[in-house]
């Protein structure tokens, strides 16, 4: 019986240190999981682009078109003219 008591006294620090380490690992993983779930459901701010056709038309009229810059025949809208 004394041998068992001595064995338990010898193993007790190892047992508690492993238990403490495992609890810390579990707590760390729980924090990471909670952080990921919060970041998954946290609303993000999105920037929505507003396209204004009138300003695009003015921009294309002022700057020409890519087809015109290539030297191909274009109509008044900047589209390729088919002859």
N, C-alpha and C. Protein backbone atom coordinates (compact mmCIF):
# COMPACT_ATOMS: atom_id res chain seq x y z
N UNK A 1 0.81 -1.18 0.00
CA UNK A 1 0.00 0.00 0.00
C UNK A 1 0.87 1.26 0.00
N UNK A 2 1.98 1.19 0.69
CA UNK A 2 2.88 2.34 0.72
C UNK A 2 3.50 2.59 -0.64
N UNK A 3 3.72 1.52 -1.41
CA UNK A 3 4.27 1.69 -2.76
C UNK A 3 3.30 2.46 -3.65
N UNK A 4 2.03 2.15 -3.51
CA UNK A 4 1.02 2.85 -4.31
C UNK A 4 0.95 4.31 -3.89
N UNK A 5 1.02 4.60 -2.61
CA UNK A 5 0.99 5.98 -2.13
C UNK A 5 2.20 6.74 -2.63
N UNK A 6 3.37 6.12 -2.62
CA UNK A 6 4.57 6.77 -3.13
C UNK A 6 4.46 7.02 -4.62
N UNK A 7 3.90 6.08 -5.35
CA UNK A 7 3.71 6.23 -6.79
C UNK A 7 2.73 7.37 -7.09
N UNK A 8 1.68 7.47 -6.32
CA UNK A 8 0.71 8.56 -6.50
C UNK A 8 1.35 9.90 -6.20
N UNK A 9 2.13 9.97 -5.10
CA UNK A 9 2.82 11.23 -4.77
C UNK A 9 3.80 11.63 -5.86
N UNK A 10 4.43 10.65 -6.49
CA UNK A 10 5.40 10.94 -7.55
C UNK A 10 4.70 11.39 -8.83
N UNK A 11 3.54 10.83 -9.12
CA UNK A 11 2.84 11.13 -10.37
C UNK A 11 1.95 12.36 -10.27
N UNK A 12 1.62 12.80 -9.07
CA UNK A 12 0.70 13.92 -8.89
C UNK A 12 1.15 15.20 -9.60
N UNK A 13 2.42 15.67 -9.47
CA UNK A 13 2.80 16.90 -10.17
C UNK A 13 2.72 16.78 -11.69
N UNK A 14 3.11 15.61 -12.21
CA UNK A 14 3.03 15.40 -13.65
C UNK A 14 1.57 15.43 -14.11
N UNK A 15 0.70 14.79 -13.36
CA UNK A 15 -0.72 14.75 -13.71
C UNK A 15 -1.32 16.15 -13.74
N UNK A 16 -1.04 16.94 -12.70
CA UNK A 16 -1.62 18.28 -12.64
C UNK A 16 -1.00 19.22 -13.67
N UNK A 17 0.28 19.05 -13.96
CA UNK A 17 0.89 19.91 -14.99
C UNK A 17 0.32 19.59 -16.36
N UNK A 18 0.09 18.31 -16.66
CA UNK A 18 -0.53 17.95 -17.94
C UNK A 18 -1.97 18.45 -18.00
N UNK A 19 -2.68 18.32 -16.89
CA UNK A 19 -4.06 18.79 -16.84
C UNK A 19 -4.12 20.30 -17.06
N UNK A 20 -3.22 21.04 -16.43
CA UNK A 20 -3.17 22.49 -16.58
C UNK A 20 -2.83 22.86 -18.03
N UNK A 21 -1.84 22.16 -18.62
CA UNK A 21 -1.46 22.44 -20.01
C UNK A 21 -2.62 22.15 -20.96
N UNK A 22 -3.29 21.03 -20.77
CA UNK A 22 -4.43 20.70 -21.64
C UNK A 22 -5.56 21.71 -21.50
N UNK A 23 -5.78 22.18 -20.27
CA UNK A 23 -6.82 23.19 -20.07
C UNK A 23 -6.46 24.50 -20.77
N UNK A 24 -5.20 24.86 -20.73
CA UNK A 24 -4.76 26.09 -21.43
C UNK A 24 -4.91 25.95 -22.93
N UNK A 25 -4.57 24.78 -23.46
CA UNK A 25 -4.72 24.55 -24.90
C UNK A 25 -6.20 24.63 -25.29
N UNK A 26 -7.05 24.00 -24.50
CA UNK A 26 -8.49 24.05 -24.78
C UNK A 26 -9.03 25.48 -24.70
N UNK A 27 -8.57 26.24 -23.73
CA UNK A 27 -9.02 27.62 -23.59
C UNK A 27 -8.55 28.46 -24.78
N UNK A 28 -7.33 28.23 -25.22
CA UNK A 28 -6.81 28.96 -26.38
C UNK A 28 -7.59 28.64 -27.63
N UNK A 29 -7.88 27.36 -27.84
CA UNK A 29 -8.67 26.98 -29.01
C UNK A 29 -10.09 27.54 -28.93
N UNK A 30 -10.65 27.60 -27.74
CA UNK A 30 -11.98 28.17 -27.58
C UNK A 30 -11.98 29.67 -27.91
N UNK A 31 -10.95 30.36 -27.48
CA UNK A 31 -10.84 31.80 -27.80
C UNK A 31 -10.71 32.00 -29.29
N UNK A 32 -9.89 31.18 -29.95
CA UNK A 32 -9.73 31.30 -31.40
C UNK A 32 -11.05 31.00 -32.11
N UNK A 33 -11.75 29.96 -31.67
CA UNK A 33 -13.03 29.61 -32.29
C UNK A 33 -14.06 30.72 -32.09
N UNK A 34 -14.11 31.28 -30.90
CA UNK A 34 -15.06 32.38 -30.64
C UNK A 34 -14.72 33.60 -31.49
N UNK A 35 -13.44 33.91 -31.60
CA UNK A 35 -13.02 35.05 -32.41
C UNK A 35 -13.40 34.85 -33.87
N UNK A 36 -13.20 33.63 -34.37
CA UNK A 36 -13.56 33.37 -35.76
C UNK A 36 -15.06 33.45 -35.98
N UNK A 37 -15.86 32.95 -35.03
CA UNK A 37 -17.30 33.02 -35.18
C UNK A 37 -17.80 34.47 -35.10
N UNK A 38 -17.23 35.25 -34.20
CA UNK A 38 -17.62 36.65 -34.10
C UNK A 38 -17.26 37.39 -35.38
N UNK A 39 -16.06 37.13 -35.92
CA UNK A 39 -15.66 37.81 -37.14
C UNK A 39 -16.49 37.35 -38.32
N UNK A 40 -17.01 36.12 -38.27
CA UNK A 40 -17.85 35.62 -39.34
C UNK A 40 -19.21 36.33 -39.36
N UNK A 41 -19.77 36.57 -38.19
CA UNK A 41 -21.10 37.18 -38.11
C UNK A 41 -21.07 38.70 -37.91
N UNK A 42 -19.90 39.27 -37.70
CA UNK A 42 -19.81 40.71 -37.49
C UNK A 42 -20.06 41.42 -38.82
N UNK A 43 -20.96 42.40 -38.85
CA UNK A 43 -21.25 43.07 -40.13
C UNK A 43 -20.05 43.88 -40.62
N UNK A 44 -19.74 43.67 -41.85
CA UNK A 44 -18.64 44.41 -42.46
C UNK A 44 -19.20 45.60 -43.22
N UNK A 45 -18.42 46.64 -43.35
CA UNK A 45 -18.87 47.80 -44.11
C UNK A 45 -18.45 47.62 -45.56
N UNK A 46 -19.41 47.69 -46.41
CA UNK A 46 -19.15 47.56 -47.84
C UNK A 46 -19.27 48.93 -48.48
N UNK A 47 -18.47 49.17 -49.47
CA UNK A 47 -18.58 50.41 -50.23
C UNK A 47 -19.26 50.08 -51.55
N UNK A 48 -20.37 50.71 -51.76
CA UNK A 48 -21.12 50.47 -52.97
C UNK A 48 -20.78 51.56 -53.97
N UNK A 49 -20.42 51.14 -55.15
CA UNK A 49 -20.11 52.10 -56.19
C UNK A 49 -21.36 52.53 -56.93
N UNK A 50 -21.50 53.79 -57.10
CA UNK A 50 -22.65 54.32 -57.81
C UNK A 50 -22.21 54.65 -59.23
N UNK A 51 -22.84 54.03 -60.20
CA UNK A 51 -22.49 54.30 -61.59
C UNK A 51 -23.47 55.31 -62.16
N UNK A 52 -22.94 56.35 -62.67
CA UNK A 52 -23.74 57.41 -63.26
C UNK A 52 -23.51 57.37 -64.77
N UNK A 53 -24.52 56.97 -65.52
CA UNK A 53 -24.37 56.81 -66.96
C UNK A 53 -24.05 58.14 -67.64
N UNK A 54 -24.61 59.20 -67.13
CA UNK A 54 -24.39 60.51 -67.75
C UNK A 54 -22.92 60.93 -67.62
N UNK A 55 -22.35 60.73 -66.44
CA UNK A 55 -20.95 61.10 -66.26
C UNK A 55 -20.03 60.18 -67.05
N UNK A 56 -20.42 58.89 -67.20
CA UNK A 56 -19.62 57.98 -68.03
C UNK A 56 -19.66 58.41 -69.49
N UNK A 57 -20.83 58.85 -69.95
CA UNK A 57 -20.95 59.30 -71.33
C UNK A 57 -20.10 60.54 -71.57
N UNK A 58 -20.13 61.46 -70.63
CA UNK A 58 -19.31 62.68 -70.76
C UNK A 58 -17.83 62.31 -70.74
N UNK A 59 -17.44 61.40 -69.85
CA UNK A 59 -16.05 60.98 -69.76
C UNK A 59 -15.59 60.35 -71.07
N UNK A 60 -16.41 59.45 -71.63
CA UNK A 60 -16.03 58.80 -72.89
C UNK A 60 -15.98 59.80 -74.04
N UNK A 61 -16.89 60.80 -74.03
CA UNK A 61 -16.89 61.81 -75.08
C UNK A 61 -15.63 62.67 -74.98
N UNK A 62 -15.26 63.02 -73.75
CA UNK A 62 -14.07 63.86 -73.57
C UNK A 62 -12.79 63.10 -73.88
N UNK A 63 -12.72 61.85 -73.51
CA UNK A 63 -11.48 61.09 -73.64
C UNK A 63 -11.44 60.18 -74.86
N UNK A 64 -12.51 60.14 -75.63
CA UNK A 64 -12.54 59.28 -76.80
C UNK A 64 -12.74 57.84 -76.41
N UNK A 65 -12.52 56.94 -77.35
CA UNK A 65 -12.69 55.52 -77.06
C UNK A 65 -11.41 54.78 -77.40
N UNK A 66 -11.32 53.56 -76.93
CA UNK A 66 -10.13 52.75 -77.17
C UNK A 66 -10.03 52.40 -78.65
N UNK A 67 -11.19 52.15 -79.26
CA UNK A 67 -11.20 51.80 -80.68
C UNK A 67 -10.70 52.97 -81.52
N UNK A 68 -11.12 54.17 -81.15
CA UNK A 68 -10.67 55.36 -81.86
C UNK A 68 -9.18 55.59 -81.67
N UNK A 69 -8.69 55.30 -80.47
CA UNK A 69 -7.26 55.44 -80.20
C UNK A 69 -6.44 54.45 -81.01
N UNK A 70 -7.04 53.32 -81.39
CA UNK A 70 -6.34 52.33 -82.20
C UNK A 70 -6.32 52.73 -83.67
N UNK A 71 -7.07 53.76 -84.05
CA UNK A 71 -7.08 54.24 -85.42
C UNK A 71 -8.17 53.63 -86.28
N UNK A 72 -9.12 52.97 -85.68
CA UNK A 72 -10.21 52.36 -86.45
C UNK A 72 -11.36 53.36 -86.57
N UNK A 73 -12.19 53.23 -87.62
CA UNK A 73 -13.32 54.16 -87.78
C UNK A 73 -14.40 53.93 -86.74
N UNK A 74 -14.86 55.03 -86.13
CA UNK A 74 -15.90 54.95 -85.10
C UNK A 74 -17.02 55.92 -85.44
N UNK A 75 -18.21 55.64 -84.89
CA UNK A 75 -19.33 56.56 -85.08
C UNK A 75 -19.33 57.59 -83.95
N UNK A 76 -20.43 58.38 -83.84
CA UNK A 76 -20.46 59.45 -82.85
C UNK A 76 -20.55 58.94 -81.42
N UNK A 77 -20.89 57.67 -81.23
CA UNK A 77 -20.94 57.10 -79.90
C UNK A 77 -19.64 56.41 -79.48
N UNK A 78 -18.68 56.38 -80.37
CA UNK A 78 -17.41 55.74 -80.06
C UNK A 78 -17.40 54.26 -80.34
N UNK A 79 -18.42 53.78 -81.08
CA UNK A 79 -18.50 52.37 -81.42
C UNK A 79 -17.87 52.13 -82.78
N UNK A 80 -17.41 50.92 -83.01
CA UNK A 80 -16.78 50.57 -84.27
C UNK A 80 -17.80 50.67 -85.40
N UNK A 81 -17.42 51.41 -86.46
CA UNK A 81 -18.31 51.62 -87.59
C UNK A 81 -18.02 50.52 -88.61
N UNK A 82 -19.09 49.79 -88.98
CA UNK A 82 -18.96 48.71 -89.95
C UNK A 82 -19.34 49.26 -91.32
N UNK A 83 -18.45 49.08 -92.27
CA UNK A 83 -18.72 49.61 -93.62
C UNK A 83 -19.25 48.54 -94.53
